[in-house]
Amino acid sequence: MTMLIRRTAVALAIAMLSAGALHAADAPKSAAKADIAIPDIPYTKFVLKNGLTLLVHEDHKTPVVAVNTWYHVGSKNEKPGKTGFAHLFEHLMFSGSENFNQTYINALERIGATDLNGTTNPDRTNYFQNVPTSMLDYVLFAESDRMGHLLGVLDQKKLDLQRGVVQNEKRQGENAPYGVTRQLLTENTWPAGHPYSWTTIGSMADLDAASMADVQEWFKTNYGPNNVTLVLAGDITPEEARAKVEKYYGDIPAGPPLAKQQSWIAKRTGTHRGMVQDRVPQARVYRVWNVPGDGDATEPLLDLAAQLLGGGKTSRYYKRLVYKDQLATDASAGNYTSEIAGQFYSVLTARPGADVAKLERAADEELQALIKSGPTAAELALAKTTILARYTRIVERVGGFGGKSDLLASCNTYTGNPDCYKDYLKALKAATPAQVKQALQAWLSDGDYVLEVQPYPTNLTTTAKLDRSKPPALGQPESLKLPPMQKATLSNGLKVVLAERRAAPLVDFSLIVDAGYASDAPKTEGLASLTGSMLEEGTTSRGANAISEAFAALGAEFHAGTSLDSATVHLNTLKATMPQALAVYADVVQHPAFAQNELERLKKNRLAGIAREKSSPNQIGLRVLPELVYGAGHAYAVPLSGTGTEASVGAVRREDLVNYHQTWFKPNNATLLVVGDTTLAEVVPLLEKTFAGWKPGTVPQKNIATVAPKDKPLVYLVDKPGAQQSVIYGAQLASPRNAPDDVELSVVNNVFGGSFSSRINMNLREDKHWSYGVSASLLPAVGQRLYLSMSPVQTDKTKESLQELVKEYGNIAGAKPISATELADAQTNQTLRLPGSFETASQLSGYYGNIIRYKLPEDYYNTYTAKVQALTPAQANALAARTITPNRLVWLVVGDMSKVEAGVRSLNLGEVRKIDADGKPLP
């Protein structure tokens, strides 16, 4: 249970993590010797037909009733990108409702309400007020009206006003001393995506982006009576309370079904540190562990540990750090429990001039001593007395923070049992020193995040002013000077290419086999990539796990992959372990086991992957387009993912893999590219030894026939009912990767669709806002390449987007020539970014692999910059005109045809054909 009264003095330090106030409990003065009874708060529980839970507690000492409303919704119910909604609604619900359209606080102050406020934390939003008994009907009317009738008067003006108030609250919190820590502590202690990984107050950007539709939907989802606990405590009987609540709340309809998060502790390992400067006079150190949340058996034990460690003047921290060593002015600890997880905090505020590192060491010594030996019996008794006394004081107050209504509401909201505090206190009373010690060892021995806040220096100065009226001139692109490709051939015909790189003692090996998807025979689509995947699943002498463990033990990284024209088996190893790593590598290449059980597992995964591809509008196009462009039977007429079809994968047998490997994986059909800290003299003898058993042989020829371009445009439609977007593809064939004008064509594509600032992206994304992003690319191939544009667009703009794309294809082909400015921007983009792509041995290997796969000139990358810079606008436009064929394109639209087909047909781009997700014709 997330109880404010259960949080120790550290609550003050971490209150910034939630919106609303937290109050630290007073530190105990001495331990009571008498046994302290567990408080009993009698209640009567009712559940209305609409799901609202009512708890009634009678206390007639004064004519006052506490009204405490808990909505079981907080910031953990939000989603990334839409944070801060729970807290924003806390504010909006004070601004008036349909039948009580006045400022809530003003109205209730006029009728004598006290302890009047509302707060939000990650788990709940609550509203509370103590009111004279005679005013109860008035307040219940107001509370019920904002629950059931808020949206009728929630307009843009109110939304903008309260959004501004919240943003100022956020600025105020961040402007407070140590306020800079709120975001850092939240982001660095919870994993991304965890419901507690964003602050309750939310981000400025999310608050700015919150639309009226967003906030209305948030309210409709979360603020129904079936998600509410209402407590009335004070001068009222259960019968009176029920009658009034039925009257005012009974006509409010229940909200929709709700999803609830379960426990997610997110325990960490190791120590992680951060440091930040803030405009504060004293350094401070936060230390945080992720621990279990409310209701866990460790909660009372860690609460006691926090009290022992940093719960006031009797604590170990205070006695050592504040009083004895005088290293700190304040030192506290607290177990901050929430609904699905908790955090244990240590907060140390250094005395001015004190050695922060020494303070941190001394605090850790106290913690480690407590972890090692546990508390003394006397210490533990004192801690129990302090916490029990805190609960005893609850019964004095009916409402507000930490009153009886607050405790009942909390227990019921999180556990469904209003008496849950009794179980907690029973466990706390029964706790032994050994149990506290065990809890400390389990949760505080590892996995801490330390954030050090250092005062921002006050004596910083500036130098003479710089003339910033214009930026400095841009530098010039520089040509690359990559290492030469040294060559050798092993006795079995395996070609070896070496590029020496001495930057680190690493060596990168890429075995490039001339195979790829294009080597799949008809009806065996997917066999090439499945064979490549199976190389990682065991050899005749090593299982899959043994291979992984062997490489890991040698500090090596290994993977196998397949592309359109080749298979690649990659190894990156330490120079010190190169011989041993090569032995395992050679075994994987030469002796795959193709174990039946591994094959069946991978086939199941592959079939599931194909099903996912066929359910994705983006992937559907990449599966069917190759056959539409190249024609059935062509080596390249296979899904671009290489996964094959359900039929072809389902028919694969172990013998097929064995035969494929024996047919294509021949040393004379491969090149071993070596990049890194070695020489030919060193590596060739090693390779001769490790690959001695690999025998050469004849290899089939792949059918990479030249395809004539289409003589007219064709339009294909794939129906995806209910699709939120349409995906438009434009496809044609272009020259092979090793064509003489390849470099120059990449520059032309940069202008058309190869960069963020390209024509088609600026048109459909930046100008029209119809798409998140569109692009065009030349897919690398030994034969004719697929030149493909891909444009995911909003459904209601499918026709218009296609029309714009048709126009853009016509423009780049000559109707709107590439300007000198466009060309210069593309040239700058492609040349200045080039050097950053060759930093590591693996990166260099990847680019040199292109030279080998596609038979590019060996100086391709060293001369790349000069070729790009030499291109003129006239040359670029001539190349675009002879390459891009607007009147011969194959168009493919994947989307909800009930909404877009008529619009696409009305453009009269060419013959329209309907196909399914496999590319098969439909009537």
Foldseek 3Di string as FASTA:
>chain_A
DQALLLKAPCCVVQVLLFWDDGDHDDFDDWFDPDDFDFDDFDWDWDAFPQQAIEIETEDAPDQKKKKKKKFFAFQLPDFVLQAQLRVLVQQLLQQAFDVGRHRNVVVQVVQPKPLFGWTGALTIIMTMIMGGNVCVLVVLLSVQRSLFTHLVPDDPVSLVVSLVVLVVVLVVQCQPVVSVCNLVVLCVQADPPRSSSAGRNGDNSNSVPQDSVNSVVVSLAGRFSSRMYIYMYYNDDPVVVVVSCCVNNVVRHGGDDDDDDAADQRFAFAEAEAEAEDADQWKKKKKKTKFFAPPDLCVLLVSLVQCQDFRPCNHPCCVPDCNPPNQFVHWGWTWRHDQRITMIMIMTTGDRPHDVVVSVVRSVVSLVVCLVQFDDPSSLSRSLSRSSVSSVVQDVDCDHRSHLRSQQRVCCSRPVDSPVVVVSNVSSVPDDRVSSSVSCVVTVPGRMYMYMYDYDDPPDDDDDDDPVPDDDDDDDFDFDDFAFWDWDAFPQQAIETEGEDAPAQKKKKKKKFFDAQLNQAPLQQLLVFLLQQLLCQAFPVGGNVRLVVQQVVQVKDWGWGGALGIIITMMMGGNVCVLVNLLSSLRSLPGRPLDPVVLVVVLVVLQVVVVVLLLDLVSLCQAQVLCVAQNPPASRRGRRVSSGHNRNSVPDDSVSSVVVSVQGSASNRIYMYMYYHDDCVPVRVSCCVSNVPGHHDDHDDRRNDDDDFFPFEEEEEAANAPDQWKKKKKKHWFFACQDPCNLLVVLLQVQDFADCNHDLNCVCCVPVNFFPGKGWDFDHDLGITMTMIITIGGLLCVLVSVVVVLVSLVCLLPVPAQDPVSLVVSLCVVRNCPVVQCDDRVSVVVVVVCCVSNVHPSCCRSCSSVVSVPDDSVNSNVVSNVGRDSGRIYMYMYYNCVRPVVSNVVVCRDHYFYAYSNNHGDD
